[in-house]
Structure formats: C-alpha cells, structure tokens
Amino acid sequence: MSVTLKRVSAAMLAAMLIVSLSGCANLSRRDRNTAIGAGAGAIGGAILTNGSGLGTVGGAAIGGLIGHSVDR
C-alpha cells in the first residue's frame, strides 16, 4: 500500500469519526469539544506520521484532552 493511499485512508477514517461523533445532539458543550478535538487530533496525527496507527491514536488522545480543557 502506498504512503499516499495510507494517508488518505487515515484522513478519511478520522473525518468519518468526526462526522459520526458531531451528530450526537445530546452532548454537552464540553463533550462536543472533546469529540471535535479528538477528531482533529486524529487527522493531524495521521498526516504528521504518514498514516501510522500509533500517530493517529496519539493525535486523537492529545486532541481530545485539549478539546476537553477548552472552555469558552
């Protein structure tokens, strides 16, 4: 599998995760920020590590923590 295909696949998977989690109407503002942060972190982690699973999961974890701590 080529590197470009891995990157596109990881980015699409992360984007699908964001879309599926953002559709939950019962989430509080903090939960929504956590989900959005995790999705954005997963995309960033996948892009920065060329589709590495560990990079994607690590990015999602860090993004989720940042999203959870954001308070408007």
PDB file of N, CA and C in Angstrom:
ATOM      1  N   MET A   1       0.854  -1.170   0.000  1.00  0.00           N
ATOM      2  CA  MET A   1       0.000   0.000   0.000  1.00  0.00           C
ATOM      3  C   MET A   1       0.899   1.232   0.000  1.00  0.00           C
ATOM      4  N   SER A   2       0.639   2.150  -0.888  1.00  0.00           N
ATOM      5  CA  SER A   2       1.495   3.324  -0.987  1.00  0.00           C
ATOM      6  C   SER A   2       1.261   4.272   0.190  1.00  0.00           C
ATOM      7  N   VAL A   3       2.244   5.123   0.415  1.00  0.00           N
ATOM      8  CA  VAL A   3       2.178   6.070   1.538  1.00  0.00           C
ATOM      9  C   VAL A   3       1.015   7.033   1.346  1.00  0.00           C
ATOM     10  N   THR A   4       0.806   7.493   0.116  1.00  0.00           N
ATOM     11  CA  THR A   4      -0.278   8.437  -0.152  1.00  0.00           C
ATOM     12  C   THR A   4      -1.631   7.795   0.125  1.00  0.00           C
ATOM     13  N   LEU A   5      -1.799   6.552  -0.284  1.00  0.00           N
ATOM     14  CA  LEU A   5      -3.065   5.862  -0.044  1.00  0.00           C
ATOM     15  C   LEU A   5      -3.299   5.666   1.452  1.00  0.00           C
ATOM     16  N   LYS A   6      -2.248   5.374   2.205  1.00  0.00           N
ATOM     17  CA  LYS A   6      -2.377   5.234   3.661  1.00  0.00           C
ATOM     18  C   LYS A   6      -2.805   6.547   4.284  1.00  0.00           C
ATOM     19  N   ARG A   7      -2.202   7.637   3.838  1.00  0.00           N
ATOM     20  CA  ARG A   7      -2.527   8.947   4.393  1.00  0.00           C
ATOM     21  C   ARG A   7      -3.974   9.322   4.100  1.00  0.00           C
ATOM     22  N   VAL A   8      -4.407   9.068   2.875  1.00  0.00           N
ATOM     23  CA  VAL A   8      -5.778   9.389   2.501  1.00  0.00           C
ATOM     24  C   VAL A   8      -6.754   8.513   3.289  1.00  0.00           C
ATOM     25  N   SER A   9      -6.434   7.244   3.425  1.00  0.00           N
ATOM     26  CA  SER A   9      -7.308   6.337   4.172  1.00  0.00           C
ATOM     27  C   SER A   9      -7.427   6.755   5.629  1.00  0.00           C
ATOM     28  N   ALA A  10      -6.306   7.096   6.255  1.00  0.00           N
ATOM     29  CA  ALA A  10      -6.338   7.520   7.654  1.00  0.00           C
ATOM     30  C   ALA A  10      -7.104   8.828   7.810  1.00  0.00           C
ATOM     31  N   ALA A  11      -6.917   9.747   6.883  1.00  0.00           N
ATOM     32  CA  ALA A  11      -7.627  11.022   6.960  1.00  0.00           C
ATOM     33  C   ALA A  11      -9.130  10.827   6.771  1.00  0.00           C
ATOM     34  N   MET A  12      -9.512   9.957   5.857  1.00  0.00           N
ATOM     35  CA  MET A  12     -10.931   9.688   5.640  1.00  0.00           C
ATOM     36  C   MET A  12     -11.560   9.003   6.854  1.00  0.00           C
ATOM     37  N   LEU A  13     -10.839   8.082   7.453  1.00  0.00           N
ATOM     38  CA  LEU A  13     -11.342   7.416   8.649  1.00  0.00           C
ATOM     39  C   LEU A  13     -11.548   8.418   9.781  1.00  0.00           C
ATOM     40  N   ALA A  14     -10.583   9.295   9.966  1.00  0.00           N
ATOM     41  CA  ALA A  14     -10.702  10.314  11.011  1.00  0.00           C
ATOM     42  C   ALA A  14     -11.853  11.276  10.707  1.00  0.00           C
ATOM     43  N   ALA A  15     -12.026  11.646   9.441  1.00  0.00           N
ATOM     44  CA  ALA A  15     -13.119  12.542   9.066  1.00  0.00           C
ATOM     45  C   ALA A  15     -14.471  11.881   9.318  1.00  0.00           C
ATOM     46  N   MET A  16     -14.575  10.590   9.027  1.00  0.00           N
ATOM     47  CA  MET A  16     -15.819   9.872   9.299  1.00  0.00           C
ATOM     48  C   MET A  16     -16.094   9.827  10.795  1.00  0.00           C
ATOM     49  N   LEU A  17     -15.044   9.698  11.595  1.00  0.00           N
ATOM     50  CA  LEU A  17     -15.201   9.700  13.046  1.00  0.00           C
ATOM     51  C   LEU A  17     -15.738  11.045  13.517  1.00  0.00           C
ATOM     52  N   ILE A  18     -15.196  12.123  12.980  1.00  0.00           N
ATOM     53  CA  ILE A  18     -15.663  13.461  13.360  1.00  0.00           C
ATOM     54  C   ILE A  18     -17.139  13.633  13.010  1.00  0.00           C
ATOM     55  N   VAL A  19     -17.496  13.255  11.800  1.00  0.00           N
ATOM     56  CA  VAL A  19     -18.874  13.418  11.357  1.00  0.00           C
ATOM     57  C   VAL A  19     -19.824  12.584  12.212  1.00  0.00           C
ATOM     58  N   SER A  20     -19.435  11.353  12.514  1.00  0.00           N
ATOM     59  CA  SER A  20     -20.328  10.493  13.296  1.00  0.00           C
ATOM     60  C   SER A  20     -20.470  10.977  14.732  1.00  0.00           C
ATOM     61  N   LEU A  21     -19.408  11.488  15.315  1.00  0.00           N
ATOM     62  CA  LEU A  21     -19.492  11.975  16.690  1.00  0.00           C
ATOM     63  C   LEU A  21     -20.159  13.339  16.793  1.00  0.00           C
ATOM     64  N   SER A  22     -20.015  14.168  15.775  1.00  0.00           N
ATOM     65  CA  SER A  22     -20.611  15.500  15.849  1.00  0.00           C
ATOM     66  C   SER A  22     -22.117  15.467  15.647  1.00  0.00           C
ATOM     67  N   GLY A  23     -22.652  14.338  15.221  1.00  0.00           N
ATOM     68  CA  GLY A  23     -24.087  14.219  15.017  1.00  0.00           C
ATOM     69  C   GLY A  23     -24.875  13.952  16.292  1.00  0.00           C
ATOM     70  N   CYS A  24     -24.207  13.778  17.409  1.00  0.00           N
ATOM     71  CA  CYS A  24     -24.904  13.482  18.668  1.00  0.00           C
ATOM     72  C   CYS A  24     -25.465  14.764  19.259  1.00  0.00           C
ATOM     73  N   ALA A  25     -26.783  14.873  19.303  1.00  0.00           N
ATOM     74  CA  ALA A  25     -27.419  16.096  19.772  1.00  0.00           C
ATOM     75  C   ALA A  25     -27.424  16.209  21.295  1.00  0.00           C
ATOM     76  N   ASN A  26     -27.233  15.112  21.996  1.00  0.00           N
ATOM     77  CA  ASN A  26     -27.324  15.140  23.454  1.00  0.00           C
ATOM     78  C   ASN A  26     -26.007  15.458  24.143  1.00  0.00           C
ATOM     79  N   LEU A  27     -24.982  15.763  23.393  1.00  0.00           N
ATOM     80  CA  LEU A  27     -23.686  16.036  24.001  1.00  0.00           C
ATOM     81  C   LEU A  27     -23.656  17.432  24.618  1.00  0.00           C
ATOM     82  N   SER A  28     -22.999  17.536  25.750  1.00  0.00           N
ATOM     83  CA  SER A  28     -22.789  18.853  26.343  1.00  0.00           C
ATOM     84  C   SER A  28     -21.726  19.590  25.528  1.00  0.00           C
ATOM     85  N   ARG A  29     -21.551  20.850  25.798  1.00  0.00           N
ATOM     86  CA  ARG A  29     -20.555  21.642  25.072  1.00  0.00           C
ATOM     87  C   ARG A  29     -19.157  21.056  25.277  1.00  0.00           C
ATOM     88  N   ARG A  30     -18.838  20.646  26.498  1.00  0.00           N
ATOM     89  CA  ARG A  30     -17.526  20.072  26.791  1.00  0.00           C
ATOM     90  C   ARG A  30     -17.324  18.754  26.055  1.00  0.00           C
ATOM     91  N   ASP A  31     -18.360  17.899  26.044  1.00  0.00           N
ATOM     92  CA  ASP A  31     -18.265  16.626  25.329  1.00  0.00           C
ATOM     93  C   ASP A  31     -18.085  16.842  23.832  1.00  0.00           C
ATOM     94  N   ARG A  32     -18.795  17.815  23.293  1.00  0.00           N
ATOM     95  CA  ARG A  32     -18.664  18.134  21.873  1.00  0.00           C
ATOM     96  C   ARG A  32     -17.263  18.630  21.550  1.00  0.00           C
ATOM     97  N   ASN A  33     -16.721  19.503  22.403  1.00  0.00           N
ATOM     98  CA  ASN A  33     -15.351  19.981  22.201  1.00  0.00           C
ATOM     99  C   ASN A  33     -14.352  18.842  22.278  1.00  0.00           C
ATOM    100  N   THR A  34     -14.582  17.896  23.173  1.00  0.00           N
ATOM    101  CA  THR A  34     -13.704  16.731  23.298  1.00  0.00           C
ATOM    102  C   THR A  34     -13.744  15.897  22.022  1.00  0.00           C
ATOM    103  N   ALA A  35     -14.937  15.649  21.505  1.00  0.00           N
ATOM    104  CA  ALA A  35     -15.077  14.852  20.285  1.00  0.00           C
ATOM    105  C   ALA A  35     -14.446  15.543  19.082  1.00  0.00           C
ATOM    106  N   ILE A  36     -14.664  16.830  18.952  1.00  0.00           N
ATOM    107  CA  ILE A  36     -14.087  17.577  17.839  1.00  0.00           C
ATOM    108  C   ILE A  36     -12.564  17.612  17.963  1.00  0.00           C
ATOM    109  N   GLY A  37     -12.072  17.830  19.161  1.00  0.00           N
ATOM    110  CA  GLY A  37     -10.624  17.830  19.379  1.00  0.00           C
ATOM    111  C   GLY A  37     -10.002  16.481  19.073  1.00  0.00           C
ATOM    112  N   ALA A  38     -10.676  15.414  19.457  1.00  0.00           N
ATOM    113  CA  ALA A  38     -10.165  14.072  19.174  1.00  0.00           C
ATOM    114  C   ALA A  38     -10.133  13.810  17.675  1.00  0.00           C
ATOM    115  N   GLY A  39     -11.164  14.212  16.993  1.00  0.00           N
ATOM    116  CA  GLY A  39     -11.191  14.027  15.536  1.00  0.00           C
ATOM    117  C   GLY A  39     -10.121  14.834  14.828  1.00  0.00           C
ATOM    118  N   ALA A  40      -9.984  16.087  15.212  1.00  0.00           N
ATOM    119  CA  ALA A  40      -8.958  16.930  14.605  1.00  0.00           C
ATOM    120  C   ALA A  40      -7.559  16.411  14.939  1.00  0.00           C
ATOM    121  N   GLY A  41      -7.377  15.958  16.167  1.00  0.00           N
ATOM    122  CA  GLY A  41      -6.084  15.399  16.557  1.00  0.00           C
ATOM    123  C   GLY A  41      -5.759  14.128  15.803  1.00  0.00           C
ATOM    124  N   ALA A  42      -6.775  13.310  15.557  1.00  0.00           N
ATOM    125  CA  ALA A  42      -6.563  12.076  14.787  1.00  0.00           C
ATOM    126  C   ALA A  42      -6.136  12.397  13.365  1.00  0.00           C
ATOM    127  N   ILE A  43      -6.777  13.375  12.757  1.00  0.00           N
ATOM    128  CA  ILE A  43      -6.394  13.777  11.402  1.00  0.00           C
ATOM    129  C   ILE A  43      -4.973  14.319  11.401  1.00  0.00           C
ATOM    130  N   GLY A  44      -4.675  15.194  12.347  1.00  0.00           N
ATOM    131  CA  GLY A  44      -3.324  15.758  12.433  1.00  0.00           C
ATOM    132  C   GLY A  44      -2.272  14.694  12.686  1.00  0.00           C
ATOM    133  N   GLY A  45      -2.562  13.780  13.592  1.00  0.00           N
ATOM    134  CA  GLY A  45      -1.620  12.704  13.890  1.00  0.00           C
ATOM    135  C   GLY A  45      -1.389  11.800  12.698  1.00  0.00           C
ATOM    136  N   ALA A  46      -2.451  11.516  11.958  1.00  0.00           N
ATOM    137  CA  ALA A  46      -2.321  10.665  10.772  1.00  0.00           C
ATOM    138  C   ALA A  46      -1.487  11.350   9.695  1.00  0.00           C
ATOM    139  N   ILE A  47      -1.714  12.630   9.513  1.00  0.00           N
ATOM    140  CA  ILE A  47      -0.964  13.361   8.489  1.00  0.00           C
ATOM    141  C   ILE A  47       0.505  13.491   8.876  1.00  0.00           C
ATOM    142  N   LEU A  48       0.762  13.842  10.131  1.00  0.00           N
ATOM    143  CA  LEU A  48       2.148  14.053  10.560  1.00  0.00           C
ATOM    144  C   LEU A  48       2.974  12.776  10.602  1.00  0.00           C
ATOM    145  N   THR A  49       2.329  11.634  10.807  1.00  0.00           N
ATOM    146  CA  THR A  49       3.076  10.376  10.914  1.00  0.00           C
ATOM    147  C   THR A  49       2.872   9.476   9.697  1.00  0.00           C
ATOM    148  N   ASN A  50       2.401  10.049   8.592  1.00  0.00           N
ATOM    149  CA  ASN A  50       2.196   9.310   7.342  1.00  0.00           C
ATOM    150  C   ASN A  50       1.271   8.111   7.519  1.00  0.00           C
ATOM    151  N   GLY A  51       0.201   8.278   8.265  1.00  0.00           N
ATOM    152  CA  GLY A  51      -0.804   7.239   8.405  1.00  0.00           C
ATOM    153  C   GLY A  51      -0.515   6.196   9.462  1.00  0.00           C
ATOM    154  N   SER A  52       0.434   6.438  10.329  1.00  0.00           N
ATOM    155  CA  SER A  52       0.750   5.488  11.386  1.00  0.00           C
ATOM    156  C   SER A  52      -0.431   5.371  12.352  1.00  0.00           C
ATOM    157  N   GLY A  53      -0.765   4.144  12.716  1.00  0.00           N
ATOM    158  CA  GLY A  53      -1.857   3.933  13.660  1.00  0.00           C
ATOM    159  C   GLY A  53      -1.576   4.559  15.012  1.00  0.00           C
ATOM    160  N   LEU A  54      -0.342   4.419  15.462  1.00  0.00           N
ATOM    161  CA  LEU A  54       0.051   4.991  16.748  1.00  0.00           C
ATOM    162  C   LEU A  54      -0.039   6.516  16.711  1.00  0.00           C
ATOM    163  N   GLY A  55       0.385   7.117  15.611  1.00  0.00           N
ATOM    164  CA  GLY A  55       0.305   8.571  15.471  1.00  0.00           C
ATOM    165  C   GLY A  55      -1.133   9.057  15.444  1.00  0.00           C
ATOM    166  N   THR A  56      -2.005   8.290  14.790  1.00  0.00           N
ATOM    167  CA  THR A  56      -3.418   8.657  14.715  1.00  0.00           C
ATOM    168  C   THR A  56      -4.074   8.578  16.088  1.00  0.00           C
ATOM    169  N   VAL A  57      -3.815   7.494  16.806  1.00  0.00           N
ATOM    170  CA  VAL A  57      -4.393   7.329  18.145  1.00  0.00           C
ATOM    171  C   VAL A  57      -3.812   8.356  19.110  1.00  0.00           C
ATOM    172  N   GLY A  58      -2.514   8.583  19.024  1.00  0.00           N
ATOM    173  CA  GLY A  58      -1.879   9.587  19.885  1.00  0.00           C
ATOM    174  C   GLY A  58      -2.421  10.978  19.622  1.00  0.00           C
ATOM    175  N   GLY A  59      -2.597  11.317  18.347  1.00  0.00           N
ATOM    176  CA  GLY A  59      -3.172  12.614  17.996  1.00  0.00           C
ATOM    177  C   GLY A  59      -4.592  12.763  18.498  1.00  0.00           C
ATOM    178  N   ALA A  60      -5.366  11.680  18.411  1.00  0.00           N
ATOM    179  CA  ALA A  60      -6.741  11.720  18.909  1.00  0.00           C
ATOM    180  C   ALA A  60      -6.771  11.916  20.417  1.00  0.00           C
ATOM    181  N   ALA A  61      -5.870  11.244  21.120  1.00  0.00           N
ATOM    182  CA  ALA A  61      -5.827  11.378  22.579  1.00  0.00           C
ATOM    183  C   ALA A  61      -5.449  12.798  22.988  1.00  0.00           C
ATOM    184  N   ILE A  62      -4.424  13.333  22.363  1.00  0.00           N
ATOM    185  CA  ILE A  62      -3.984  14.696  22.709  1.00  0.00           C
ATOM    186  C   ILE A  62      -5.045  15.714  22.305  1.00  0.00           C
ATOM    187  N   GLY A  63      -5.624  15.546  21.119  1.00  0.00           N
ATOM    188  CA  GLY A  63      -6.685  16.453  20.680  1.00  0.00           C
ATOM    189  C   GLY A  63      -7.903  16.396  21.584  1.00  0.00           C
ATOM    190  N   GLY A  64      -8.244  15.190  22.048  1.00  0.00           N
ATOM    191  CA  GLY A  64      -9.368  15.051  22.973  1.00  0.00           C
ATOM    192  C   GLY A  64      -9.114  15.744  24.298  1.00  0.00           C
ATOM    193  N   LEU A  65      -7.895  15.632  24.790  1.00  0.00           N
ATOM    194  CA  LEU A  65      -7.547  16.323  26.044  1.00  0.00           C
ATOM    195  C   LEU A  65      -7.607  17.843  25.880  1.00  0.00           C
ATOM    196  N   ILE A  66      -7.090  18.327  24.767  1.00  0.00           N
ATOM    197  CA  ILE A  66      -7.130  19.774  24.525  1.00  0.00           C
ATOM    198  C   ILE A  66      -8.578  20.236  24.361  1.00  0.00           C
ATOM    199  N   GLY A  67      -9.364  19.490  23.581  1.00  0.00           N
ATOM    200  CA  GLY A  67     -10.770  19.853  23.397  1.00  0.00           C
ATOM    201  C   GLY A  67     -11.546  19.832  24.696  1.00  0.00           C
ATOM    202  N   HIS A  68     -11.226  18.893  25.563  1.00  0.00           N
ATOM    203  CA  HIS A  68     -11.906  18.795  26.860  1.00  0.00           C
ATOM    204  C   HIS A  68     -11.585  19.992  27.755  1.00  0.00           C
ATOM    205  N   SER A  69     -10.371  20.510  27.629  1.00  0.00           N
ATOM    206  CA  SER A  69      -9.973  21.602  28.512  1.00  0.00           C
ATOM    207  C   SER A  69     -10.373  22.979  27.978  1.00  0.00           C
ATOM    208  N   VAL A  70     -10.815  23.060  26.725  1.00  0.00           N
ATOM    209  CA  VAL A  70     -11.223  24.339  26.157  1.00  0.00           C
ATOM    210  C   VAL A  70     -12.551  24.738  26.769  1.00  0.00           C
ATOM    211  N   ASP A  71     -12.619  25.961  27.254  1.00  0.00           N
ATOM    212  CA  ASP A  71     -13.860  26.475  27.836  1.00  0.00           C
ATOM    213  C   ASP A  71     -14.078  27.883  27.317  1.00  0.00           C
ATOM    214  N   ARG A  72     -15.219  28.090  26.723  1.00  0.00           N
ATOM    215  CA  ARG A  72     -15.495  29.426  26.150  1.00  0.00           C
ATOM    216  C   ARG A  72     -16.134  30.322  27.160  1.00  0.00           C
TER     217      ARG A  72
END
